[in-house]
Each structure stands twice: as structure tokens, then as C-alpha cells.
Amino acid sequence: MVQDTIRIYAGRQLSGAACTDHTKGQTAADITIQTCWDADGLDLARVGIVRESARLCTIAARDPDLIRWASACSRDGYVPAIVQQVWESPGGGRAAVLR
């Protein structure tokens, strides 16, 4: 129980830091924060922006094939099936993802 509480608290701290700092152009941070920033950066194609690889944080996100794939998914409005299921579930909706 205590370990679960610590994990939840740490997760909230990390996600809070990721949200607070995501527009500052940083690339050095905890791997969880880097992953959040990369996900956000790779999804910018939805608004016509393809992030330069040097502005991404992780080696995986800098891969040109991954950038092309993520950009295409973003432009096409691709929603993974598991996310779609949550959005369509009773009490779901996009707001459910943020709970």
C-alpha cells in the first residue's frame, strides 16, 4: 500500500513536470518525462509541424522511420484501438484518460 502510494505520487510529480516544461525545448530529463515530450512532439503533425529529430529526447524517437510513421498517424488522426475502447466505454470519453 505504501509503495503504491509512493509510485502514484512520483508519477504525478513526473507528469506534472512533463506538462509544466513541455514547451521549453528541453531534451534532458527523467526518461518518463522525455517519453512524454517525445510523444507530444511526434504528434505535432496533426497541426502541420514535423519535429526535427534533434529536438526529440530519446534515441527511439529520433529514428527517421519512427518520425515518418508517427507523423502519418498524427496527420491521419489514428487512434489506437485500446484508446478508442476507453473513449467508448461507459463513463469513458476523452476525459476518462485524464482521470
N, C-alpha and C. Protein backbone atom coordinates (compact mmCIF):
# COMPACT_ATOMS: atom_id res chain seq x y z
N MET A 1 0.82 -1.20 0.00
CA MET A 1 0.00 0.00 0.00
C MET A 1 0.87 1.26 0.00
N VAL A 2 1.86 1.33 0.87
CA VAL A 2 2.74 2.50 0.92
C VAL A 2 3.51 2.63 -0.39
N GLN A 3 4.01 1.50 -0.92
CA GLN A 3 4.75 1.56 -2.18
C GLN A 3 3.86 2.05 -3.31
N ASP A 4 2.60 1.61 -3.35
CA ASP A 4 1.67 2.07 -4.38
C ASP A 4 1.45 3.57 -4.27
N THR A 5 1.30 4.07 -3.05
CA THR A 5 1.10 5.50 -2.83
C THR A 5 2.32 6.28 -3.30
N ILE A 6 3.50 5.77 -3.00
CA ILE A 6 4.73 6.43 -3.43
C ILE A 6 4.81 6.46 -4.95
N ARG A 7 4.49 5.33 -5.60
CA ARG A 7 4.53 5.28 -7.07
C ARG A 7 3.54 6.27 -7.68
N ILE A 8 2.33 6.35 -7.13
CA ILE A 8 1.33 7.29 -7.65
C ILE A 8 1.82 8.72 -7.48
N TYR A 9 2.36 9.04 -6.29
CA TYR A 9 2.86 10.38 -6.04
C TYR A 9 4.01 10.72 -6.99
N ALA A 10 4.95 9.80 -7.15
CA ALA A 10 6.08 10.03 -8.04
C ALA A 10 5.60 10.21 -9.48
N GLY A 11 4.63 9.40 -9.90
CA GLY A 11 4.08 9.52 -11.24
C GLY A 11 3.43 10.87 -11.47
N ARG A 12 2.72 11.35 -10.46
CA ARG A 12 2.08 12.67 -10.59
C ARG A 12 3.12 13.78 -10.65
N GLN A 13 4.18 13.64 -9.87
CA GLN A 13 5.25 14.64 -9.92
C GLN A 13 5.88 14.66 -11.31
N LEU A 14 6.16 13.48 -11.86
CA LEU A 14 6.78 13.40 -13.19
C LEU A 14 5.85 13.95 -14.26
N SER A 15 4.58 13.55 -14.22
CA SER A 15 3.66 14.04 -15.25
C SER A 15 3.44 15.53 -15.10
N GLY A 16 3.44 16.02 -13.87
CA GLY A 16 3.32 17.47 -13.66
C GLY A 16 4.51 18.21 -14.24
N ALA A 17 5.70 17.68 -14.01
CA ALA A 17 6.91 18.31 -14.56
C ALA A 17 6.89 18.24 -16.09
N ALA A 18 6.45 17.13 -16.63
CA ALA A 18 6.39 17.00 -18.09
C ALA A 18 5.44 18.03 -18.68
N CYS A 19 4.29 18.22 -18.05
CA CYS A 19 3.32 19.20 -18.54
C CYS A 19 3.82 20.63 -18.38
N THR A 20 4.42 20.91 -17.23
CA THR A 20 4.91 22.26 -16.94
C THR A 20 6.01 22.68 -17.92
N ASP A 21 6.90 21.75 -18.24
CA ASP A 21 8.10 22.11 -19.01
C ASP A 21 8.05 21.73 -20.49
N HIS A 22 6.92 21.22 -20.97
CA HIS A 22 6.93 20.66 -22.33
C HIS A 22 7.12 21.68 -23.44
N THR A 23 6.94 22.93 -23.19
CA THR A 23 7.13 23.94 -24.24
C THR A 23 8.47 24.67 -24.13
N LYS A 24 9.33 24.23 -23.23
CA LYS A 24 10.59 24.93 -23.01
C LYS A 24 11.73 24.46 -23.91
N GLY A 25 11.49 23.44 -24.73
CA GLY A 25 12.50 22.98 -25.66
C GLY A 25 13.61 22.15 -25.05
N GLN A 26 13.40 21.68 -23.83
CA GLN A 26 14.42 20.86 -23.18
C GLN A 26 14.40 19.44 -23.73
N THR A 27 15.53 18.76 -23.63
CA THR A 27 15.58 17.35 -24.01
C THR A 27 16.18 16.49 -22.90
N ALA A 28 16.77 17.09 -21.88
CA ALA A 28 17.38 16.33 -20.78
C ALA A 28 16.42 16.32 -19.60
N ALA A 29 16.02 15.12 -19.19
CA ALA A 29 15.12 14.96 -18.05
C ALA A 29 15.01 13.47 -17.73
N ASP A 30 14.20 13.14 -16.75
CA ASP A 30 13.88 11.75 -16.43
C ASP A 30 13.31 11.09 -17.69
N ILE A 31 13.58 9.82 -17.88
CA ILE A 31 13.13 9.11 -19.09
C ILE A 31 11.61 9.16 -19.25
N THR A 32 10.88 9.17 -18.15
CA THR A 32 9.42 9.27 -18.24
C THR A 32 9.01 10.62 -18.82
N ILE A 33 9.66 11.66 -18.38
CA ILE A 33 9.38 13.00 -18.90
C ILE A 33 9.80 13.09 -20.37
N GLN A 34 10.97 12.55 -20.70
CA GLN A 34 11.43 12.56 -22.09
C GLN A 34 10.41 11.86 -23.00
N THR A 35 9.88 10.75 -22.53
CA THR A 35 8.91 10.00 -23.32
C THR A 35 7.64 10.82 -23.55
N CYS A 36 7.19 11.52 -22.54
CA CYS A 36 6.02 12.40 -22.70
C CYS A 36 6.30 13.50 -23.71
N TRP A 37 7.46 14.12 -23.58
CA TRP A 37 7.81 15.19 -24.52
C TRP A 37 7.92 14.66 -25.94
N ASP A 38 8.52 13.48 -26.11
CA ASP A 38 8.63 12.90 -27.45
C ASP A 38 7.26 12.58 -28.03
N ALA A 39 6.39 12.02 -27.21
CA ALA A 39 5.04 11.70 -27.70
C ALA A 39 4.33 12.96 -28.17
N ASP A 40 4.45 14.02 -27.40
CA ASP A 40 3.85 15.29 -27.78
C ASP A 40 4.47 15.83 -29.06
N GLY A 41 5.80 15.80 -29.12
CA GLY A 41 6.49 16.30 -30.32
C GLY A 41 6.17 15.51 -31.57
N LEU A 42 6.06 14.20 -31.43
CA LEU A 42 5.77 13.35 -32.59
C LEU A 42 4.32 13.48 -33.05
N ASP A 43 3.46 14.03 -32.20
CA ASP A 43 2.05 14.20 -32.56
C ASP A 43 1.76 15.58 -33.16
N LEU A 44 2.77 16.41 -33.30
CA LEU A 44 2.56 17.76 -33.83
C LEU A 44 2.18 17.80 -35.30
N ALA A 45 2.37 16.70 -36.00
CA ALA A 45 1.99 16.67 -37.42
C ALA A 45 0.49 16.93 -37.59
N ARG A 46 -0.28 16.69 -36.54
CA ARG A 46 -1.73 16.95 -36.61
C ARG A 46 -2.02 18.42 -36.89
N VAL A 47 -1.05 19.30 -36.58
CA VAL A 47 -1.20 20.73 -36.85
C VAL A 47 -0.18 21.20 -37.88
N GLY A 48 0.38 20.25 -38.65
CA GLY A 48 1.27 20.59 -39.75
C GLY A 48 2.73 20.79 -39.38
N ILE A 49 3.14 20.38 -38.19
CA ILE A 49 4.53 20.54 -37.76
C ILE A 49 5.18 19.17 -37.63
N VAL A 50 6.31 18.96 -38.29
CA VAL A 50 7.08 17.73 -38.12
C VAL A 50 8.32 18.11 -37.32
N ARG A 51 8.43 17.56 -36.14
CA ARG A 51 9.52 17.89 -35.21
C ARG A 51 10.85 17.41 -35.77
N GLU A 52 11.87 18.25 -35.71
CA GLU A 52 13.22 17.88 -36.11
C GLU A 52 13.75 16.85 -35.11
N SER A 53 14.48 15.87 -35.60
CA SER A 53 14.97 14.80 -34.72
C SER A 53 15.85 15.34 -33.59
N ALA A 54 16.60 16.39 -33.84
CA ALA A 54 17.48 16.95 -32.80
C ALA A 54 16.69 17.53 -31.63
N ARG A 55 15.41 17.82 -31.85
CA ARG A 55 14.58 18.39 -30.78
C ARG A 55 13.81 17.32 -30.03
N LEU A 56 14.04 16.04 -30.38
CA LEU A 56 13.43 14.93 -29.65
C LEU A 56 14.42 14.43 -28.61
N CYS A 57 13.92 13.75 -27.61
CA CYS A 57 14.75 13.39 -26.45
C CYS A 57 15.40 12.02 -26.54
N THR A 58 14.68 11.04 -27.01
CA THR A 58 15.17 9.66 -26.93
C THR A 58 15.69 9.17 -28.28
N ILE A 59 16.58 8.20 -28.22
CA ILE A 59 17.12 7.61 -29.44
C ILE A 59 16.00 7.03 -30.29
N ALA A 60 15.06 6.36 -29.66
CA ALA A 60 13.95 5.75 -30.40
C ALA A 60 13.15 6.81 -31.16
N ALA A 61 12.85 7.92 -30.51
CA ALA A 61 12.04 8.96 -31.14
C ALA A 61 12.77 9.66 -32.28
N ARG A 62 14.09 9.64 -32.25
CA ARG A 62 14.88 10.31 -33.30
C ARG A 62 14.99 9.47 -34.58
N ASP A 63 14.56 8.24 -34.53
CA ASP A 63 14.65 7.36 -35.69
C ASP A 63 13.79 7.92 -36.83
N PRO A 64 14.37 8.15 -38.01
CA PRO A 64 13.61 8.73 -39.12
C PRO A 64 12.36 7.93 -39.50
N ASP A 65 12.45 6.59 -39.44
CA ASP A 65 11.28 5.77 -39.76
C ASP A 65 10.17 5.98 -38.74
N LEU A 66 10.52 6.09 -37.46
CA LEU A 66 9.52 6.32 -36.42
C LEU A 66 8.89 7.70 -36.59
N ILE A 67 9.71 8.70 -36.93
CA ILE A 67 9.18 10.05 -37.14
C ILE A 67 8.18 10.06 -38.29
N ARG A 68 8.53 9.38 -39.40
CA ARG A 68 7.60 9.30 -40.54
C ARG A 68 6.31 8.60 -40.15
N TRP A 69 6.42 7.46 -39.44
CA TRP A 69 5.24 6.70 -39.03
C TRP A 69 4.36 7.52 -38.08
N ALA A 70 4.98 8.11 -37.05
CA ALA A 70 4.22 8.88 -36.07
C ALA A 70 3.56 10.10 -36.73
N SER A 71 4.27 10.74 -37.64
CA SER A 71 3.71 11.90 -38.34
C SER A 71 2.51 11.50 -39.18
N ALA A 72 2.61 10.38 -39.87
CA ALA A 72 1.48 9.90 -40.68
C ALA A 72 0.29 9.56 -39.78
N CYS A 73 0.54 8.89 -38.67
CA CYS A 73 -0.55 8.56 -37.73
C CYS A 73 -1.22 9.83 -37.22
N SER A 74 -0.40 10.81 -36.88
CA SER A 74 -0.92 12.07 -36.35
C SER A 74 -1.75 12.81 -37.40
N ARG A 75 -1.22 12.92 -38.60
CA ARG A 75 -1.95 13.61 -39.69
C ARG A 75 -3.27 12.92 -40.02
N ASP A 76 -3.25 11.57 -39.96
CA ASP A 76 -4.44 10.79 -40.34
C ASP A 76 -5.44 10.65 -39.20
N GLY A 77 -5.09 11.14 -38.01
CA GLY A 77 -5.99 11.04 -36.88
C GLY A 77 -6.12 9.64 -36.31
N TYR A 78 -5.08 8.83 -36.47
CA TYR A 78 -5.09 7.46 -35.98
C TYR A 78 -5.27 7.42 -34.47
N VAL A 79 -6.20 6.59 -34.01
CA VAL A 79 -6.41 6.38 -32.58
C VAL A 79 -6.24 4.89 -32.32
N PRO A 80 -5.28 4.50 -31.46
CA PRO A 80 -5.10 3.08 -31.16
C PRO A 80 -6.38 2.46 -30.62
N ALA A 81 -6.61 1.20 -30.94
CA ALA A 81 -7.85 0.51 -30.55
C ALA A 81 -8.08 0.56 -29.05
N ILE A 82 -7.03 0.38 -28.26
CA ILE A 82 -7.21 0.37 -26.80
C ILE A 82 -7.69 1.74 -26.30
N VAL A 83 -7.21 2.82 -26.91
CA VAL A 83 -7.65 4.15 -26.52
C VAL A 83 -9.09 4.36 -26.96
N GLN A 84 -9.42 3.92 -28.16
CA GLN A 84 -10.79 4.03 -28.66
C GLN A 84 -11.76 3.30 -27.74
N GLN A 85 -11.36 2.13 -27.24
CA GLN A 85 -12.21 1.37 -26.33
C GLN A 85 -12.48 2.14 -25.04
N VAL A 86 -11.46 2.79 -24.50
CA VAL A 86 -11.65 3.58 -23.29
C VAL A 86 -12.60 4.74 -23.56
N TRP A 87 -12.40 5.42 -24.69
CA TRP A 87 -13.25 6.56 -25.02
C TRP A 87 -14.70 6.14 -25.20
N GLU A 88 -14.93 4.94 -25.71
CA GLU A 88 -16.29 4.48 -25.99
C GLU A 88 -16.93 3.75 -24.82
N SER A 89 -16.17 3.45 -23.77
CA SER A 89 -16.71 2.70 -22.65
C SER A 89 -17.62 3.58 -21.79
N PRO A 90 -18.57 2.93 -21.05
CA PRO A 90 -19.42 3.70 -20.14
C PRO A 90 -18.56 4.47 -19.14
N GLY A 91 -18.83 5.73 -19.00
CA GLY A 91 -18.02 6.57 -18.11
C GLY A 91 -16.69 6.93 -18.73
N GLY A 92 -16.49 6.54 -19.98
CA GLY A 92 -15.22 6.80 -20.65
C GLY A 92 -15.17 8.20 -21.20
N GLY A 93 -14.99 8.30 -22.47
CA GLY A 93 -14.82 9.62 -23.07
C GLY A 93 -13.38 10.05 -22.94
N ARG A 94 -13.00 11.04 -23.67
CA ARG A 94 -11.61 11.50 -23.65
C ARG A 94 -11.21 11.98 -22.26
N ALA A 95 -12.16 12.51 -21.52
CA ALA A 95 -11.82 12.99 -20.17
C ALA A 95 -11.42 11.84 -19.26
N ALA A 96 -11.88 10.63 -19.55
CA ALA A 96 -11.55 9.47 -18.71
C ALA A 96 -10.05 9.19 -18.74
N VAL A 97 -9.40 9.51 -19.84
CA VAL A 97 -7.97 9.27 -19.98
C VAL A 97 -7.21 10.14 -18.98
N LEU A 98 -7.75 11.27 -18.64
CA LEU A 98 -7.07 12.21 -17.75
C LEU A 98 -7.32 11.93 -16.28
N ARG A 99 -8.24 11.02 -15.97
CA ARG A 99 -8.54 10.73 -14.56
C ARG A 99 -7.43 10.03 -13.87
